[in-house]
Amino acid sequence: MPEPREQAVYEALASLGIPYVRHEHPPVFTVEEAKIHWKGIEGAHCKNLFLRNKKGNHHYLLIAEFLKPVDLRAVAKALRDDRLSFGSDERLARCLGLRPGEVSPFGLLQDADRQVTVILDAGLASSPLVNFHPNVNTATLTIAYADLEKFLASRGNRVIRLPL
């Protein structure tokens, strides 16, 4: 039986008519650890970075293909915000209800106040399929990129598409 945060993902996807393929694997906390389990899984594998600005009054979820380098200074400049850094484990839990290693767009299900802005790498749109954790780091879900857009639209969080 999936834990409640994971079950909420499946229920949200079902309510939106979004099909997915679930791939189980041992717990992974980093892209490097996850890469060994991606063999045979189609689609773009994504890194999901939970960020905050210097003042701590803006929170961001940056989604990009895992090989894509991310220049946080350039992202901050494009956002017209001050310096960006990784959010603490406590902020991650408070904003998205997640722990390190579980960060994914599906964490937006726990963001009732829509306080997290999504920064989506515009280049991901060229990937027919994308992969994310279902709010636990023991599985990966494959969904269509168009369905990621559908999911994001359903959440109501601000989404900024940037070429990274």
C-alpha atoms as a PDB file:
ATOM      1  CA  MET A   1       0.000   0.000   0.000  1.00  0.00           C
ATOM      2  CA  PRO A   2       1.545   3.345  -1.009  1.00  0.00           C
ATOM      3  CA  GLU A   3       2.036   5.974   1.670  1.00  0.00           C
ATOM      4  CA  PRO A   4      -0.486   8.840   1.614  1.00  0.00           C
ATOM      5  CA  ARG A   5       1.741  11.344  -0.245  1.00  0.00           C
ATOM      6  CA  GLU A   6       2.326   8.805  -3.020  1.00  0.00           C
ATOM      7  CA  GLN A   7      -1.327   7.724  -3.128  1.00  0.00           C
ATOM      8  CA  ALA A   8      -2.325  11.402  -3.515  1.00  0.00           C
ATOM      9  CA  VAL A   9      -0.231  11.544  -6.706  1.00  0.00           C
ATOM     10  CA  TYR A  10      -2.021   8.555  -8.234  1.00  0.00           C
ATOM     11  CA  GLU A  11      -5.417   9.980  -7.286  1.00  0.00           C
ATOM     12  CA  ALA A  12      -4.552  13.397  -8.772  1.00  0.00           C
ATOM     13  CA  LEU A  13      -3.311  11.826 -12.005  1.00  0.00           C
ATOM     14  CA  ALA A  14      -6.427   9.653 -12.257  1.00  0.00           C
ATOM     15  CA  SER A  15      -8.712  12.645 -11.687  1.00  0.00           C
ATOM     16  CA  LEU A  16      -6.971  14.456 -14.553  1.00  0.00           C
ATOM     17  CA  GLY A  17      -7.035  11.411 -16.844  1.00  0.00           C
ATOM     18  CA  ILE A  18      -3.236  11.272 -16.923  1.00  0.00           C
ATOM     19  CA  PRO A  19      -1.773   7.831 -17.635  1.00  0.00           C
ATOM     20  CA  TYR A  20       1.606   6.899 -16.187  1.00  0.00           C
ATOM     21  CA  VAL A  21       4.044   4.024 -15.983  1.00  0.00           C
ATOM     22  CA  ARG A  22       5.462   3.301 -12.521  1.00  0.00           C
ATOM     23  CA  HIS A  23       9.012   1.975 -12.117  1.00  0.00           C
ATOM     24  CA  GLU A  24      10.104   0.719  -8.691  1.00  0.00           C
ATOM     25  CA  HIS A  25      13.706   0.959  -7.493  1.00  0.00           C
ATOM     26  CA  PRO A  26      15.668   1.181  -4.242  1.00  0.00           C
ATOM     27  CA  PRO A  27      15.627   4.549  -2.441  1.00  0.00           C
ATOM     28  CA  VAL A  28      17.707   7.185  -4.279  1.00  0.00           C
ATOM     29  CA  PHE A  29      18.635  10.633  -3.019  1.00  0.00           C
ATOM     30  CA  THR A  30      20.541  12.132  -5.940  1.00  0.00           C
ATOM     31  CA  VAL A  31      20.531  12.018  -9.730  1.00  0.00           C
ATOM     32  CA  GLU A  32      23.829  10.139  -9.584  1.00  0.00           C
ATOM     33  CA  GLU A  33      22.242   7.407  -7.465  1.00  0.00           C
ATOM     34  CA  ALA A  34      19.128   7.296  -9.644  1.00  0.00           C
ATOM     35  CA  LYS A  35      20.957   6.994 -12.983  1.00  0.00           C
ATOM     36  CA  ILE A  36      21.799   3.330 -12.435  1.00  0.00           C
ATOM     37  CA  HIS A  37      18.064   2.527 -12.221  1.00  0.00           C
ATOM     38  CA  TRP A  38      17.037   4.432 -15.380  1.00  0.00           C
ATOM     39  CA  LYS A  39      18.066   1.732 -17.830  1.00  0.00           C
ATOM     40  CA  GLY A  40      15.077   0.915 -19.991  1.00  0.00           C
ATOM     41  CA  ILE A  41      13.007   3.877 -18.772  1.00  0.00           C
ATOM     42  CA  GLU A  42      12.076   6.062 -21.732  1.00  0.00           C
ATOM     43  CA  GLY A  43      11.851   9.839 -21.596  1.00  0.00           C
ATOM     44  CA  ALA A  44      13.704  12.772 -20.132  1.00  0.00           C
ATOM     45  CA  HIS A  45      14.962  12.234 -16.616  1.00  0.00           C
ATOM     46  CA  CYS A  46      14.587  15.423 -14.658  1.00  0.00           C
ATOM     47  CA  LYS A  47      16.294  17.132 -11.785  1.00  0.00           C
ATOM     48  CA  ASN A  48      14.011  19.050  -9.481  1.00  0.00           C
ATOM     49  CA  LEU A  49      15.637  21.773  -7.403  1.00  0.00           C
ATOM     50  CA  PHE A  50      13.829  23.372  -4.479  1.00  0.00           C
ATOM     51  CA  LEU A  51      15.165  26.920  -4.226  1.00  0.00           C
ATOM     52  CA  ARG A  52      14.641  30.073  -2.209  1.00  0.00           C
ATOM     53  CA  ASN A  53      15.711  33.646  -2.689  1.00  0.00           C
ATOM     54  CA  LYS A  54      18.105  35.417  -0.321  1.00  0.00           C
ATOM     55  CA  LYS A  55      15.312  36.984   1.749  1.00  0.00           C
ATOM     56  CA  GLY A  56      13.513  33.644   2.007  1.00  0.00           C
ATOM     57  CA  ASN A  57      10.229  35.145   0.885  1.00  0.00           C
ATOM     58  CA  HIS A  58      10.095  33.436  -2.535  1.00  0.00           C
ATOM     59  CA  HIS A  59      10.298  29.703  -3.156  1.00  0.00           C
ATOM     60  CA  TYR A  60      10.885  27.984  -6.479  1.00  0.00           C
ATOM     61  CA  LEU A  61      10.777  24.489  -7.924  1.00  0.00           C
ATOM     62  CA  LEU A  62      13.167  24.364 -10.873  1.00  0.00           C
ATOM     63  CA  ILE A  63      12.560  21.465 -13.282  1.00  0.00           C
ATOM     64  CA  ALA A  64      15.168  20.653 -15.936  1.00  0.00           C
ATOM     65  CA  GLU A  65      16.605  17.679 -17.794  1.00  0.00           C
ATOM     66  CA  PHE A  66      19.186  16.118 -15.481  1.00  0.00           C
ATOM     67  CA  LEU A  67      22.174  16.777 -17.786  1.00  0.00           C
ATOM     68  CA  LYS A  68      21.306  20.456 -18.279  1.00  0.00           C
ATOM     69  CA  PRO A  69      23.635  22.762 -16.331  1.00  0.00           C
ATOM     70  CA  VAL A  70      21.758  25.326 -14.252  1.00  0.00           C
ATOM     71  CA  ASP A  71      23.275  28.731 -13.565  1.00  0.00           C
ATOM     72  CA  LEU A  72      21.422  29.960 -10.482  1.00  0.00           C
ATOM     73  CA  ARG A  73      22.746  33.509 -10.939  1.00  0.00           C
ATOM     74  CA  ALA A  74      21.337  33.654 -14.462  1.00  0.00           C
ATOM     75  CA  VAL A  75      18.023  32.205 -13.267  1.00  0.00           C
ATOM     76  CA  ALA A  76      17.802  34.782 -10.466  1.00  0.00           C
ATOM     77  CA  LYS A  77      18.513  37.550 -12.964  1.00  0.00           C
ATOM     78  CA  ALA A  78      15.822  36.258 -15.355  1.00  0.00           C
ATOM     79  CA  LEU A  79      13.370  36.162 -12.440  1.00  0.00           C
ATOM     80  CA  ARG A  80      14.446  39.640 -11.301  1.00  0.00           C
ATOM     81  CA  ASP A  81      15.008  38.202  -7.857  1.00  0.00           C
ATOM     82  CA  ASP A  82      18.019  38.233  -5.580  1.00  0.00           C
ATOM     83  CA  ARG A  83      20.467  35.375  -5.102  1.00  0.00           C
ATOM     84  CA  LEU A  84      18.987  31.869  -5.206  1.00  0.00           C
ATOM     85  CA  SER A  85      20.102  28.992  -3.022  1.00  0.00           C
ATOM     86  CA  PHE A  86      18.772  25.584  -2.077  1.00  0.00           C
ATOM     87  CA  GLY A  87      15.923  25.587   0.411  1.00  0.00           C
ATOM     88  CA  SER A  88      16.511  23.855   3.725  1.00  0.00           C
ATOM     89  CA  ASP A  89      15.022  20.464   4.555  1.00  0.00           C
ATOM     90  CA  GLU A  90      12.606  22.274   6.904  1.00  0.00           C
ATOM     91  CA  ARG A  91      11.443  24.662   4.149  1.00  0.00           C
ATOM     92  CA  LEU A  92      11.039  21.764   1.742  1.00  0.00           C
ATOM     93  CA  ALA A  93       8.845  19.937   4.259  1.00  0.00           C
ATOM     94  CA  ARG A  94       6.828  23.086   5.016  1.00  0.00           C
ATOM     95  CA  CYS A  95       6.297  24.162   1.389  1.00  0.00           C
ATOM     96  CA  LEU A  96       5.974  20.866  -0.481  1.00  0.00           C
ATOM     97  CA  GLY A  97       5.580  18.250   2.255  1.00  0.00           C
ATOM     98  CA  LEU A  98       8.660  16.421   0.951  1.00  0.00           C
ATOM     99  CA  ARG A  99      12.021  15.205   2.224  1.00  0.00           C
ATOM    100  CA  PRO A 100      15.388  15.411   0.454  1.00  0.00           C
ATOM    101  CA  GLY A 101      15.525  12.970  -2.459  1.00  0.00           C
ATOM    102  CA  GLU A 102      11.766  13.180  -3.065  1.00  0.00           C
ATOM    103  CA  VAL A 103      11.517  16.575  -4.778  1.00  0.00           C
ATOM    104  CA  SER A 104       9.193  16.515  -7.775  1.00  0.00           C
ATOM    105  CA  PRO A 105       6.419  18.589  -9.318  1.00  0.00           C
ATOM    106  CA  PHE A 106       3.959  16.269  -7.572  1.00  0.00           C
ATOM    107  CA  GLY A 107       4.949  17.942  -4.298  1.00  0.00           C
ATOM    108  CA  LEU A 108       2.767  20.826  -5.462  1.00  0.00           C
ATOM    109  CA  LEU A 109      -0.164  18.719  -4.238  1.00  0.00           C
ATOM    110  CA  GLN A 110       0.891  19.741  -0.709  1.00  0.00           C
ATOM    111  CA  ASP A 111       1.265  23.444  -1.608  1.00  0.00           C
ATOM    112  CA  ALA A 112      -2.291  24.541  -0.789  1.00  0.00           C
ATOM    113  CA  ASP A 113      -1.254  28.213  -0.576  1.00  0.00           C
ATOM    114  CA  ARG A 114       0.526  28.073  -3.955  1.00  0.00           C
ATOM    115  CA  GLN A 115       3.619  29.660  -2.473  1.00  0.00           C
ATOM    116  CA  VAL A 116       6.048  27.812  -4.766  1.00  0.00           C
ATOM    117  CA  THR A 117       6.705  29.171  -8.257  1.00  0.00           C
ATOM    118  CA  VAL A 118       7.631  26.553 -10.853  1.00  0.00           C
ATOM    119  CA  ILE A 119      10.557  27.312 -13.150  1.00  0.00           C
ATOM    120  CA  LEU A 120      10.246  24.937 -16.079  1.00  0.00           C
ATOM    121  CA  ASP A 121      13.117  24.558 -18.520  1.00  0.00           C
ATOM    122  CA  ALA A 122      11.599  25.468 -21.884  1.00  0.00           C
ATOM    123  CA  GLY A 123      13.762  22.783 -23.519  1.00  0.00           C
ATOM    124  CA  LEU A 124      11.793  20.000 -21.822  1.00  0.00           C
ATOM    125  CA  ALA A 125       8.897  20.690 -24.186  1.00  0.00           C
ATOM    126  CA  SER A 126      10.799  18.788 -26.883  1.00  0.00           C
ATOM    127  CA  SER A 127      10.684  15.595 -24.773  1.00  0.00           C
ATOM    128  CA  PRO A 128       7.558  13.523 -25.406  1.00  0.00           C
ATOM    129  CA  LEU A 129       7.977  11.751 -22.040  1.00  0.00           C
ATOM    130  CA  VAL A 130       9.299  12.967 -18.673  1.00  0.00           C
ATOM    131  CA  ASN A 131      10.101  11.159 -15.420  1.00  0.00           C
ATOM    132  CA  PHE A 132       9.576  12.154 -11.786  1.00  0.00           C
ATOM    133  CA  HIS A 133       9.327  10.615  -8.323  1.00  0.00           C
ATOM    134  CA  PRO A 134       5.750  10.214  -7.055  1.00  0.00           C
ATOM    135  CA  ASN A 135       6.645  12.074  -3.807  1.00  0.00           C
ATOM    136  CA  VAL A 136       8.718   9.105  -2.643  1.00  0.00           C
ATOM    137  CA  ASN A 137      12.224   8.196  -3.777  1.00  0.00           C
ATOM    138  CA  THR A 138      11.535   4.481  -4.271  1.00  0.00           C
ATOM    139  CA  ALA A 139       9.742   4.855  -7.599  1.00  0.00           C
ATOM    140  CA  THR A 140       9.791   6.864 -10.819  1.00  0.00           C
ATOM    141  CA  LEU A 141       6.730   7.755 -12.875  1.00  0.00           C
ATOM    142  CA  THR A 142       6.838   8.291 -16.631  1.00  0.00           C
ATOM    143  CA  ILE A 143       4.216  10.670 -18.027  1.00  0.00           C
ATOM    144  CA  ALA A 144       3.787  12.597 -21.261  1.00  0.00           C
ATOM    145  CA  TYR A 145       5.236  16.110 -21.268  1.00  0.00           C
ATOM    146  CA  ALA A 146       1.789  17.409 -22.271  1.00  0.00           C
ATOM    147  CA  ASP A 147       0.407  15.750 -19.148  1.00  0.00           C
ATOM    148  CA  LEU A 148       3.037  17.464 -16.997  1.00  0.00           C
ATOM    149  CA  GLU A 149       1.719  20.753 -18.375  1.00  0.00           C
ATOM    150  CA  LYS A 150      -1.840  19.602 -17.629  1.00  0.00           C
ATOM    151  CA  PHE A 151      -0.879  18.677 -14.051  1.00  0.00           C
ATOM    152  CA  LEU A 152       0.878  22.012 -13.478  1.00  0.00           C
ATOM    153  CA  ALA A 153      -2.128  23.921 -14.811  1.00  0.00           C
ATOM    154  CA  SER A 154      -4.396  22.018 -12.428  1.00  0.00           C
ATOM    155  CA  ARG A 155      -2.369  23.109  -9.405  1.00  0.00           C
ATOM    156  CA  GLY A 156      -2.621  26.843  -9.981  1.00  0.00           C
ATOM    157  CA  ASN A 157       0.980  27.630  -9.051  1.00  0.00           C
ATOM    158  CA  ARG A 158       2.729  30.255 -11.132  1.00  0.00           C
ATOM    159  CA  VAL A 159       4.779  28.593 -13.873  1.00  0.00           C
ATOM    160  CA  ILE A 160       7.656  30.392 -15.584  1.00  0.00           C
ATOM    161  CA  ARG A 161       9.188  28.776 -18.669  1.00  0.00           C
ATOM    162  CA  LEU A 162      12.836  29.698 -19.114  1.00  0.00           C
ATOM    163  CA  PRO A 163      15.407  28.463 -21.607  1.00  0.00           C
ATOM    164  CA  LEU A 164      18.110  27.101 -19.311  1.00  0.00           C
END
